[in-house]
N, C-alpha and C. Protein backbone atom coordinates (compact mmCIF):
# COMPACT_ATOMS: atom_id res chain seq x y z
N MET A 1 73.17 90.64 107.01
CA MET A 1 74.56 90.70 106.62
C MET A 1 75.27 89.49 107.85
N ARG A 2 76.25 89.06 107.35
CA ARG A 2 76.65 88.23 108.11
C ARG A 2 78.55 88.56 107.92
N ALA A 3 79.44 88.66 109.28
CA ALA A 3 80.16 89.01 109.51
C ALA A 3 81.28 87.97 110.17
N TYR A 4 82.69 87.76 109.73
CA TYR A 4 83.14 86.84 110.33
C TYR A 4 84.68 86.93 109.40
N TYR A 5 85.67 86.09 110.30
CA TYR A 5 87.29 86.28 109.58
C TYR A 5 87.44 85.70 108.56
N PHE A 6 87.87 86.43 107.52
CA PHE A 6 88.44 85.93 105.99
C PHE A 6 89.82 84.63 106.58
N ASP A 7 89.31 83.65 105.94
CA ASP A 7 90.27 82.45 105.83
C ASP A 7 91.65 82.14 105.53
N ASN A 8 92.12 83.22 104.65
CA ASN A 8 93.15 83.66 103.76
C ASN A 8 93.45 82.50 103.05
N ALA A 9 92.76 81.56 102.77
CA ALA A 9 93.27 80.30 102.18
C ALA A 9 93.24 80.86 100.58
N PRO A 10 93.73 80.34 99.68
CA PRO A 10 94.04 80.69 98.41
C PRO A 10 92.78 79.98 97.66
N GLY A 11 92.34 80.85 96.35
CA GLY A 11 91.34 80.75 95.74
C GLY A 11 90.43 81.98 95.52
N ASP A 12 89.47 81.98 94.55
CA ASP A 12 88.83 82.72 94.14
C ASP A 12 87.97 83.75 94.92
N GLN A 13 88.13 84.83 94.43
CA GLN A 13 87.88 86.34 96.18
C GLN A 13 86.01 86.07 96.15
N ARG A 14 85.78 85.36 95.08
CA ARG A 14 84.27 85.31 95.16
C ARG A 14 83.38 84.33 96.22
N LEU A 15 84.55 83.29 96.75
CA LEU A 15 83.85 82.00 97.33
C LEU A 15 83.72 83.28 98.84
N PRO A 16 83.23 82.01 99.60
CA PRO A 16 82.63 82.19 101.08
C PRO A 16 84.05 82.71 101.83
N HIS A 17 85.32 81.72 101.71
CA HIS A 17 86.24 82.03 102.09
C HIS A 17 86.24 82.13 103.92
N ASP A 18 85.22 81.56 104.70
CA ASP A 18 84.71 81.69 105.47
C ASP A 18 85.44 80.78 106.96
N SER A 19 86.02 81.45 107.73
CA SER A 19 87.01 80.64 108.76
C SER A 19 86.41 79.99 109.95
N GLY A 20 85.09 80.16 110.15
CA GLY A 20 83.97 79.81 110.51
C GLY A 20 84.34 80.43 112.14
N ARG A 21 84.98 81.57 112.24
CA ARG A 21 84.88 82.93 113.11
C ARG A 21 84.03 83.78 113.47
N GLU A 22 83.14 83.72 113.74
CA GLU A 22 81.99 85.07 113.38
C GLU A 22 82.55 85.97 114.28
N VAL A 23 82.27 87.36 113.61
CA VAL A 23 82.42 88.67 114.19
C VAL A 23 80.96 89.40 114.82
N PRO A 24 80.82 89.86 115.71
CA PRO A 24 79.99 90.46 116.47
C PRO A 24 79.76 92.19 115.94
N LEU A 25 78.62 92.47 115.66
CA LEU A 25 78.88 93.99 115.28
C LEU A 25 79.36 94.65 115.72
N ASP A 26 79.15 94.83 117.14
CA ASP A 26 80.25 95.72 117.87
C ASP A 26 81.70 95.31 118.08
N THR A 27 82.29 94.45 117.50
CA THR A 27 83.43 94.48 116.79
C THR A 27 83.65 95.55 115.61
N LEU A 28 82.74 95.42 114.87
CA LEU A 28 82.56 95.86 113.58
C LEU A 28 82.03 97.50 113.96
N ALA A 29 81.67 97.96 114.71
CA ALA A 29 81.09 99.10 115.48
C ALA A 29 82.37 99.97 115.85
N ALA A 30 83.77 98.94 116.93
CA ALA A 30 84.77 99.19 117.27
C ALA A 30 85.60 99.50 116.04
N LEU A 31 85.44 99.56 114.99
CA LEU A 31 86.73 100.23 113.69
C LEU A 31 85.92 100.65 112.80
N GLY A 32 84.51 101.26 113.49
CA GLY A 32 83.97 102.31 112.65
C GLY A 32 82.92 102.21 111.50
N VAL A 33 82.79 100.74 111.50
CA VAL A 33 81.90 100.43 110.41
C VAL A 33 80.25 100.45 111.17
N LEU A 34 79.69 100.96 110.32
CA LEU A 34 78.50 100.90 110.96
C LEU A 34 77.50 100.22 110.05
N TYR A 35 75.96 99.77 110.55
CA TYR A 35 74.96 98.61 109.68
C TYR A 35 74.02 99.03 110.24
N TRP A 36 72.83 98.85 108.91
CA TRP A 36 71.56 98.53 109.44
C TRP A 36 70.99 98.07 108.23
N ARG A 37 70.03 97.17 108.92
CA ARG A 37 69.21 96.20 108.07
C ARG A 37 67.56 96.95 107.32
N ILE A 38 67.74 97.13 106.52
CA ILE A 38 66.21 97.90 105.69
C ILE A 38 66.12 97.05 104.60
N PRO A 39 64.96 96.18 105.52
CA PRO A 39 64.26 95.34 104.26
C PRO A 39 64.00 96.38 102.82
N VAL A 40 64.54 95.77 101.86
CA VAL A 40 63.86 96.46 100.32
C VAL A 40 62.45 96.30 100.48
N GLU A 41 61.76 95.30 100.99
CA GLU A 41 60.29 94.68 100.54
C GLU A 41 59.59 95.77 102.18
N THR A 42 60.37 96.66 102.41
CA THR A 42 60.01 97.49 103.96
C THR A 42 58.50 98.26 103.53
N PRO A 43 57.51 97.63 104.42
CA PRO A 43 56.28 98.72 104.44
C PRO A 43 56.70 99.90 104.16
N GLY A 44 56.00 100.66 103.30
CA GLY A 44 56.55 102.17 103.08
C GLY A 44 57.42 102.54 102.50
N GLY A 45 57.91 101.50 102.04
CA GLY A 45 59.45 101.25 101.32
C GLY A 45 60.68 101.69 102.20
N TRP A 46 61.64 101.74 101.45
CA TRP A 46 63.10 101.77 101.94
C TRP A 46 63.62 103.12 102.37
N GLU A 47 63.23 103.63 100.62
CA GLU A 47 63.80 105.16 101.18
C GLU A 47 63.37 106.45 102.10
N PRO A 48 62.46 106.19 102.74
CA PRO A 48 62.47 106.99 103.97
C PRO A 48 63.25 107.06 105.04
N LYS A 49 63.69 105.54 105.35
CA LYS A 49 64.77 105.17 106.10
C LYS A 49 65.91 105.54 105.82
N ILE A 50 66.23 105.51 104.45
CA ILE A 50 67.75 105.95 103.87
C ILE A 50 68.07 107.19 103.82
N ASN A 51 66.33 107.79 103.75
CA ASN A 51 66.42 109.40 103.44
C ASN A 51 67.10 109.83 104.77
N ALA A 52 66.52 109.16 106.02
CA ALA A 52 66.56 109.45 107.20
C ALA A 52 67.91 109.91 107.35
N ILE A 53 68.96 108.37 107.25
CA ILE A 53 69.67 108.44 107.47
C ILE A 53 70.85 109.33 106.72
N ALA A 54 70.85 109.65 105.50
CA ALA A 54 71.22 110.53 104.65
C ALA A 54 71.18 111.75 105.10
N ASP A 55 69.88 112.05 105.57
CA ASP A 55 69.91 113.57 106.33
C ASP A 55 70.58 113.75 107.57
N GLU A 56 70.77 113.10 108.45
CA GLU A 56 71.29 113.09 110.01
C GLU A 56 72.85 113.06 109.27
N ARG A 57 73.25 112.30 108.68
CA ARG A 57 74.72 112.42 108.31
C ARG A 57 75.53 113.19 106.79
N ARG A 58 74.73 113.81 106.47
CA ARG A 58 74.51 115.53 105.59
C ARG A 58 75.18 114.69 104.20
N TYR A 59 74.32 113.57 104.24
CA TYR A 59 74.59 112.64 102.57
C TYR A 59 73.91 113.94 101.01
N SER A 60 74.49 114.24 100.70
CA SER A 60 73.62 115.05 99.65
C SER A 60 73.52 114.63 98.32
N SER A 61 74.13 113.69 97.99
CA SER A 61 74.19 112.61 96.50
C SER A 61 74.04 111.41 96.51
N ARG A 62 73.67 110.73 95.28
CA ARG A 62 73.52 109.53 95.41
C ARG A 62 73.43 109.13 94.01
N ASP A 63 73.81 107.63 93.68
CA ASP A 63 73.53 106.96 92.45
C ASP A 63 73.47 105.91 93.17
N VAL A 64 73.38 104.92 91.82
CA VAL A 64 73.04 103.64 91.31
C VAL A 64 73.86 102.91 90.89
N VAL A 65 74.63 101.62 91.46
CA VAL A 65 75.23 101.19 90.27
C VAL A 65 75.04 99.51 90.46
N THR A 66 75.09 99.26 88.82
CA THR A 66 75.10 97.60 89.01
C THR A 66 76.53 96.79 88.97
N ALA A 67 76.92 96.16 89.36
CA ALA A 67 77.96 95.37 89.21
C ALA A 67 77.72 93.92 88.92
N ASN A 68 78.17 93.20 87.58
CA ASN A 68 77.68 92.05 87.15
C ASN A 68 78.45 92.16 85.50
N LYS A 69 78.55 91.08 85.04
CA LYS A 69 79.26 90.80 84.07
C LYS A 69 78.59 91.81 82.50
N ASP A 70 77.30 91.60 82.78
CA ASP A 70 76.85 92.49 82.11
C ASP A 70 76.99 94.10 81.96
N ALA A 71 77.02 94.60 83.19
CA ALA A 71 76.78 95.78 83.55
C ALA A 71 78.79 96.43 82.87
N PHE A 72 79.82 95.16 83.19
CA PHE A 72 80.94 95.73 82.75
C PHE A 72 81.66 95.08 81.81
N GLY A 73 80.64 94.55 81.48
CA GLY A 73 81.19 93.71 79.78
C GLY A 73 83.14 93.22 79.96
N PRO A 74 83.47 93.39 78.97
CA PRO A 74 84.99 92.88 79.21
C PRO A 74 85.62 93.33 80.00
N ALA A 75 85.35 94.38 80.54
CA ALA A 75 86.32 95.27 82.05
C ALA A 75 85.38 94.58 83.09
N PHE A 76 84.76 93.24 83.20
CA PHE A 76 84.36 92.76 84.23
C PHE A 76 85.88 92.27 85.39
N GLU A 77 86.55 91.13 84.90
CA GLU A 77 87.45 90.95 85.31
C GLU A 77 88.48 92.30 86.08
N GLU A 78 88.82 92.77 85.30
CA GLU A 78 89.56 94.14 85.42
C GLU A 78 89.03 94.92 86.95
N LYS A 79 87.88 95.09 86.57
CA LYS A 79 86.92 95.77 87.74
C LYS A 79 86.98 95.35 88.50
N MET A 80 86.83 93.47 88.97
CA MET A 80 86.75 93.55 90.28
C MET A 80 88.31 92.80 90.89
N ASP A 81 89.16 92.54 89.93
CA ASP A 81 90.40 93.14 90.32
C ASP A 81 90.72 94.35 91.39
N MET A 82 90.31 95.58 90.71
CA MET A 82 90.48 96.62 90.92
C MET A 82 89.96 97.23 92.23
N PHE A 83 88.60 96.31 92.52
CA PHE A 83 87.78 96.74 93.62
C PHE A 83 88.28 95.94 94.73
N PHE A 84 89.39 94.36 94.90
CA PHE A 84 89.52 93.87 95.63
C PHE A 84 90.81 94.11 96.16
N ARG A 85 91.47 94.87 95.39
CA ARG A 85 92.69 95.53 95.64
C ARG A 85 92.54 96.33 96.99
N GLU A 86 93.28 95.76 98.02
CA GLU A 86 93.34 96.86 99.75
C GLU A 86 93.51 98.47 99.07
N HIS A 87 92.87 99.02 100.05
CA HIS A 87 92.31 100.70 99.73
C HIS A 87 91.91 101.24 100.77
N ILE A 88 92.14 102.60 100.65
CA ILE A 88 91.28 103.36 102.00
C ILE A 88 90.55 104.63 100.68
N HIS A 89 89.48 105.26 101.26
CA HIS A 89 89.23 106.59 100.68
C HIS A 89 89.12 107.54 102.14
N GLU A 90 89.34 108.76 101.36
CA GLU A 90 89.10 110.22 101.96
C GLU A 90 87.97 110.37 102.28
N ASP A 91 86.94 109.75 101.80
CA ASP A 91 85.42 109.90 102.36
C ASP A 91 85.05 108.82 102.86
N GLU A 92 83.64 108.77 103.46
CA GLU A 92 83.47 107.50 104.14
C GLU A 92 82.74 106.91 102.76
N GLU A 93 82.57 105.16 102.75
CA GLU A 93 82.13 104.83 101.60
C GLU A 93 80.67 104.03 102.43
N ILE A 94 79.64 104.32 101.63
CA ILE A 94 78.14 104.11 101.76
C ILE A 94 77.26 103.00 100.94
N ARG A 95 76.82 102.44 101.16
CA ARG A 95 76.36 101.38 100.33
C ARG A 95 75.37 100.88 100.72
N TYR A 96 74.10 100.51 99.93
CA TYR A 96 72.98 99.96 100.44
C TYR A 96 72.39 99.48 99.14
N LEU A 97 72.38 97.77 99.26
CA LEU A 97 72.11 96.80 98.51
C LEU A 97 70.92 96.77 98.10
N LEU A 98 70.21 96.98 96.92
CA LEU A 98 69.03 96.89 96.47
C LEU A 98 68.44 95.48 95.73
N GLU A 99 69.93 95.01 95.51
CA GLU A 99 69.80 93.38 94.51
C GLU A 99 70.67 92.99 94.65
N GLY A 100 70.54 91.52 94.68
CA GLY A 100 71.93 90.47 94.91
C GLY A 100 72.63 90.47 95.99
N SER A 101 73.96 90.60 96.21
CA SER A 101 74.79 90.31 97.24
C SER A 101 76.15 90.25 96.94
N ALA A 102 77.04 90.62 98.30
CA ALA A 102 78.71 90.87 97.83
C ALA A 102 79.31 91.08 99.07
N PHE A 103 80.23 90.95 99.08
CA PHE A 103 81.24 90.93 100.20
C PHE A 103 81.71 92.32 100.69
N PHE A 104 82.44 92.85 101.67
CA PHE A 104 82.80 93.59 101.81
C PHE A 104 83.78 93.07 102.73
N ASP A 105 85.24 93.67 102.56
CA ASP A 105 85.86 93.10 103.60
C ASP A 105 87.00 94.62 104.19
N VAL A 106 86.79 94.26 105.26
CA VAL A 106 87.44 95.25 106.27
C VAL A 106 89.09 94.95 107.18
N ARG A 107 89.66 95.73 107.42
CA ARG A 107 91.01 95.23 107.52
C ARG A 107 90.87 95.87 109.31
N GLU A 108 91.10 94.46 110.36
CA GLU A 108 90.91 94.89 111.76
C GLU A 108 92.58 95.01 111.95
N HIS A 109 92.70 97.08 112.06
CA HIS A 109 94.30 97.14 112.35
C HIS A 109 94.82 96.37 113.23
N THR A 110 94.28 96.34 114.49
CA THR A 110 95.07 95.75 115.36
C THR A 110 95.93 94.29 115.26
N THR A 111 95.03 93.67 114.57
CA THR A 111 95.67 92.25 114.35
C THR A 111 96.04 91.91 112.62
N ASP A 112 95.37 92.62 111.65
CA ASP A 112 95.83 92.88 110.54
C ASP A 112 95.10 91.84 109.90
N SER A 113 94.06 91.35 110.47
CA SER A 113 92.88 90.65 109.64
C SER A 113 92.13 90.74 109.05
N TRP A 114 91.35 90.13 108.17
CA TRP A 114 90.48 90.88 107.39
C TRP A 114 89.46 90.43 108.21
N ILE A 115 88.24 90.93 107.92
CA ILE A 115 86.74 90.44 108.34
C ILE A 115 85.63 90.80 107.11
N ARG A 116 85.46 89.72 106.68
CA ARG A 116 84.14 89.41 105.49
C ARG A 116 82.89 90.09 106.21
N CYS A 117 82.58 90.91 105.46
CA CYS A 117 81.46 91.39 105.32
C CYS A 117 80.44 90.89 104.46
N HIS A 118 79.51 89.75 104.51
CA HIS A 118 78.67 89.14 103.25
C HIS A 118 77.50 89.83 103.44
N LEU A 119 77.08 90.91 102.09
CA LEU A 119 75.54 91.97 102.61
C LEU A 119 74.61 91.08 101.64
N GLU A 120 73.42 91.53 101.97
CA GLU A 120 72.60 90.78 100.46
C GLU A 120 71.75 91.96 100.34
N ALA A 121 70.68 92.02 99.72
CA ALA A 121 69.82 93.44 99.51
C ALA A 121 68.96 93.50 100.70
N GLY A 122 68.92 94.89 101.08
CA GLY A 122 68.51 95.29 102.40
C GLY A 122 69.15 95.76 103.10
N ASP A 123 70.79 95.29 103.00
CA ASP A 123 72.04 95.42 104.26
C ASP A 123 72.44 96.81 103.78
N MET A 124 72.60 97.78 104.66
CA MET A 124 73.19 98.95 104.57
C MET A 124 74.85 98.87 105.41
N ILE A 125 75.94 99.85 104.70
CA ILE A 125 76.99 99.51 105.40
C ILE A 125 77.49 100.95 105.43
N ILE A 126 78.17 101.17 106.46
CA ILE A 126 78.97 102.62 106.06
C ILE A 126 80.50 102.41 106.81
N LEU A 127 81.76 102.09 105.37
CA LEU A 127 83.04 102.38 105.93
C LEU A 127 83.44 103.90 106.70
N PRO A 128 84.43 103.76 107.65
CA PRO A 128 84.87 105.15 107.49
C PRO A 128 85.95 105.12 106.94
N ALA A 129 86.19 106.92 106.52
CA ALA A 129 87.36 107.22 105.82
C ALA A 129 88.58 106.47 106.52
N GLY A 130 89.57 106.36 105.68
CA GLY A 130 91.00 105.80 106.15
C GLY A 130 91.05 104.36 106.93
N ILE A 131 89.71 103.50 106.67
CA ILE A 131 89.87 102.13 106.86
C ILE A 131 90.50 101.41 105.87
N TYR A 132 91.26 100.37 105.81
CA TYR A 132 91.35 99.65 104.92
C TYR A 132 90.60 98.30 104.03
N HIS A 133 90.42 98.53 102.89
CA HIS A 133 88.91 97.45 102.92
C HIS A 133 89.07 97.14 101.26
N ARG A 134 88.50 96.20 101.02
CA ARG A 134 88.29 95.98 99.47
C ARG A 134 86.94 95.30 99.21
N PHE A 135 86.38 95.19 98.21
CA PHE A 135 85.20 94.73 97.58
C PHE A 135 85.11 93.37 96.34
N SER A 136 84.11 92.67 96.81
CA SER A 136 84.06 91.81 96.01
C SER A 136 82.49 91.13 95.81
N LEU A 137 82.02 90.66 94.55
CA LEU A 137 80.94 89.95 94.35
C LEU A 137 80.98 88.73 94.86
N ASP A 138 80.29 88.34 95.20
CA ASP A 138 80.07 86.24 95.79
C ASP A 138 79.73 86.23 94.37
N GLU A 139 79.75 84.32 94.78
CA GLU A 139 79.56 83.75 93.75
C GLU A 139 78.29 83.98 92.71
N ARG A 140 77.26 84.85 93.13
CA ARG A 140 76.39 84.98 92.07
C ARG A 140 76.50 86.13 91.10
N GLU A 141 77.37 86.56 91.60
CA GLU A 141 78.26 87.66 90.41
C GLU A 141 77.24 88.71 90.11
N HIS A 142 76.19 89.22 91.17
CA HIS A 142 75.48 90.28 90.64
C HIS A 142 75.14 91.01 92.04
N ALA A 143 75.23 92.23 91.70
CA ALA A 143 75.09 93.07 92.96
C ALA A 143 74.70 94.89 92.40
N ARG A 144 72.90 95.21 93.09
CA ARG A 144 72.49 96.85 92.47
C ARG A 144 72.61 97.24 93.92
N THR A 145 73.57 98.43 93.66
CA THR A 145 73.85 98.84 94.66
C THR A 145 73.54 100.84 95.02
N LEU A 146 73.23 101.34 95.86
CA LEU A 146 72.86 102.75 96.44
C LEU A 146 73.77 102.93 96.84
N ARG A 147 74.30 104.38 96.19
CA ARG A 147 75.62 104.87 97.02
C ARG A 147 75.71 106.35 97.40
N LEU A 148 76.08 106.29 98.39
CA LEU A 148 75.62 107.87 98.84
C LEU A 148 76.55 108.36 99.14
N PHE A 149 76.91 110.10 99.10
CA PHE A 149 77.99 110.75 99.07
C PHE A 149 77.97 112.14 100.04
N LYS A 150 78.39 112.45 100.91
CA LYS A 150 78.44 113.89 101.40
C LYS A 150 78.76 115.15 99.65
N ASP A 151 79.45 114.75 98.85
CA ASP A 151 79.49 115.54 97.99
C ASP A 151 79.13 115.12 96.50
N GLU A 152 79.97 115.35 95.08
CA GLU A 152 79.13 114.76 94.13
C GLU A 152 79.79 113.41 94.34
N PRO A 153 79.35 111.99 93.46
CA PRO A 153 79.75 110.78 93.26
C PRO A 153 81.39 110.86 93.26
N LYS A 154 81.79 110.43 93.62
CA LYS A 154 83.06 109.81 93.15
C LYS A 154 83.86 108.74 93.80
N TRP A 155 84.71 107.81 93.52
CA TRP A 155 85.17 107.00 94.03
C TRP A 155 86.96 107.10 93.79
N ILE A 156 87.51 107.30 94.52
CA ILE A 156 88.97 107.19 94.60
C ILE A 156 89.74 106.89 95.55
N ALA A 157 90.48 105.94 94.73
CA ALA A 157 90.95 104.88 96.08
C ALA A 157 92.85 105.17 96.36
N HIS A 158 92.90 104.60 97.10
CA HIS A 158 94.49 105.19 97.72
C HIS A 158 94.74 103.91 98.31
N TYR A 159 95.67 102.77 97.32
CA TYR A 159 95.98 101.38 97.48
C TYR A 159 97.11 101.63 98.45
N ARG A 160 97.05 100.38 99.40
CA ARG A 160 98.06 100.13 100.73
C ARG A 160 99.23 100.14 99.78
N GLY A 161 99.89 101.25 101.41
CA GLY A 161 101.49 101.26 101.15
C GLY A 161 101.66 102.57 101.75
N ALA A 162 103.21 102.21 102.08
CA ALA A 162 103.88 103.40 102.70
C ALA A 162 103.08 104.62 102.63
N GLU A 163 103.00 104.93 101.36
CA GLU A 163 102.31 106.46 101.29
C GLU A 163 101.14 106.56 101.66
N THR A 164 100.16 105.18 101.50
CA THR A 164 98.56 105.89 102.17
C THR A 164 98.90 105.55 103.66
N ASP A 165 99.58 104.53 104.07
CA ASP A 165 99.65 104.46 105.49
C ASP A 165 99.79 105.94 106.29
N LYS A 166 100.61 107.21 105.77
CA LYS A 166 100.71 108.31 105.84
C LYS A 166 99.79 109.21 105.71
N ASN A 167 98.86 108.81 104.86
CA ASN A 167 97.22 109.51 104.41
C ASN A 167 97.21 110.42 105.77
N PRO A 168 96.72 111.52 105.68
CA PRO A 168 96.19 112.56 107.01
C PRO A 168 94.71 111.34 107.25
N TYR A 169 94.36 110.78 106.62
CA TYR A 169 92.73 110.16 106.80
C TYR A 169 92.98 108.83 106.98
N ARG A 170 93.63 108.49 106.82
CA ARG A 170 94.38 106.81 107.46
C ARG A 170 94.82 107.21 108.80
N VAL A 171 95.69 108.24 109.56
CA VAL A 171 96.07 108.59 110.32
C VAL A 171 95.25 108.97 111.82
N GLU A 172 94.07 109.54 110.97
CA GLU A 172 92.80 110.20 111.87
C GLU A 172 92.18 109.07 112.10
N TYR A 173 92.03 108.09 111.04
CA TYR A 173 91.21 107.20 111.42
C TYR A 173 91.90 105.85 112.59
N LEU A 174 93.14 105.81 112.45
CA LEU A 174 93.87 105.33 113.75
C LEU A 174 93.99 105.89 115.06
N LYS A 175 93.82 107.07 115.11
CA LYS A 175 93.79 107.83 116.18
C LYS A 175 92.46 107.51 116.58
N THR A 176 91.71 107.57 116.11
CA THR A 176 90.12 107.88 116.26
C THR A 176 89.46 106.30 116.93
N PHE A 177 89.72 105.40 115.98
CA PHE A 177 89.29 103.90 116.41
C PHE A 177 90.34 102.70 117.08
N SER A 178 91.47 103.55 117.38
CA SER A 178 92.83 102.74 118.11
C SER A 178 92.07 102.52 119.62
N GLY A 179 91.98 103.38 120.29
CA GLY A 179 90.98 103.53 121.17
C GLY A 179 90.01 103.37 121.77
N ALA A 180 88.99 102.97 120.64
CA ALA A 180 87.68 102.67 120.59
C ALA A 180 87.89 100.77 120.82
N GLN A 181 88.74 100.49 119.77
CA GLN A 181 88.79 99.04 120.09
C GLN A 181 89.76 98.30 120.86
N MET A 182 90.61 99.16 121.65
CA MET A 182 91.39 98.93 122.92
C MET A 182 90.48 98.78 123.97
N ALA A 183 89.51 99.99 123.94
CA ALA A 183 88.23 99.97 125.28
C ALA A 183 87.47 98.47 125.30
N GLN A 184 87.41 98.17 123.96
CA GLN A 184 86.22 97.03 123.66
C GLN A 184 87.13 95.71 124.05
N ALA A 185 88.46 95.96 123.71
CA ALA A 185 89.41 94.89 123.99
C ALA A 185 89.10 94.69 125.59
N VAL A 186 89.47 95.37 126.44
CA VAL A 186 89.80 95.38 127.74
C VAL A 186 88.13 95.20 128.68
N GLY A 187 87.11 95.36 128.01
CA GLY A 187 85.87 95.54 128.52
C GLY A 187 85.60 96.92 129.03
N ALA A 188 85.83 98.07 128.55
CA ALA A 188 85.34 98.83 129.05
C ALA A 188 83.90 99.25 128.22
């Protein structure tokens, strides 16, 4: 995975939008974003490592989703627009890329800047409940992703707005991670 600040230039969301300003993993960790590199071709397979993380974090179900034009058919652009609209979830969002590549953009709440995380096969990311984020395929327009869940598979987006800003999961996110990011900023 490569993380950097999104350049906010107009244009297709599938383009890199690379500002040239790299973001280190500790900055993502201060936002509550967790990352693992587990190559798909790992000797012994990637599944034991994913299973260990799932057990440790109490994920009880999973599914595999393919995002591309063939999978979504005529609804492809509509789906891409929906995923790219800024939102939060009331659960962690856990994704492991099995094939392809994609972007997860996360909102840095102290600056309101977007951090773009470019994931490829073998990358696993966990976004905490309550973080504003969005998703897009990149120019290759293909990702096959393992999704993990604490309960039954679901995807409920709460789009950014005044009501979502008051959502208890958003409020808890800010309480939990504002201190961590402030500590990192002052070098604690």
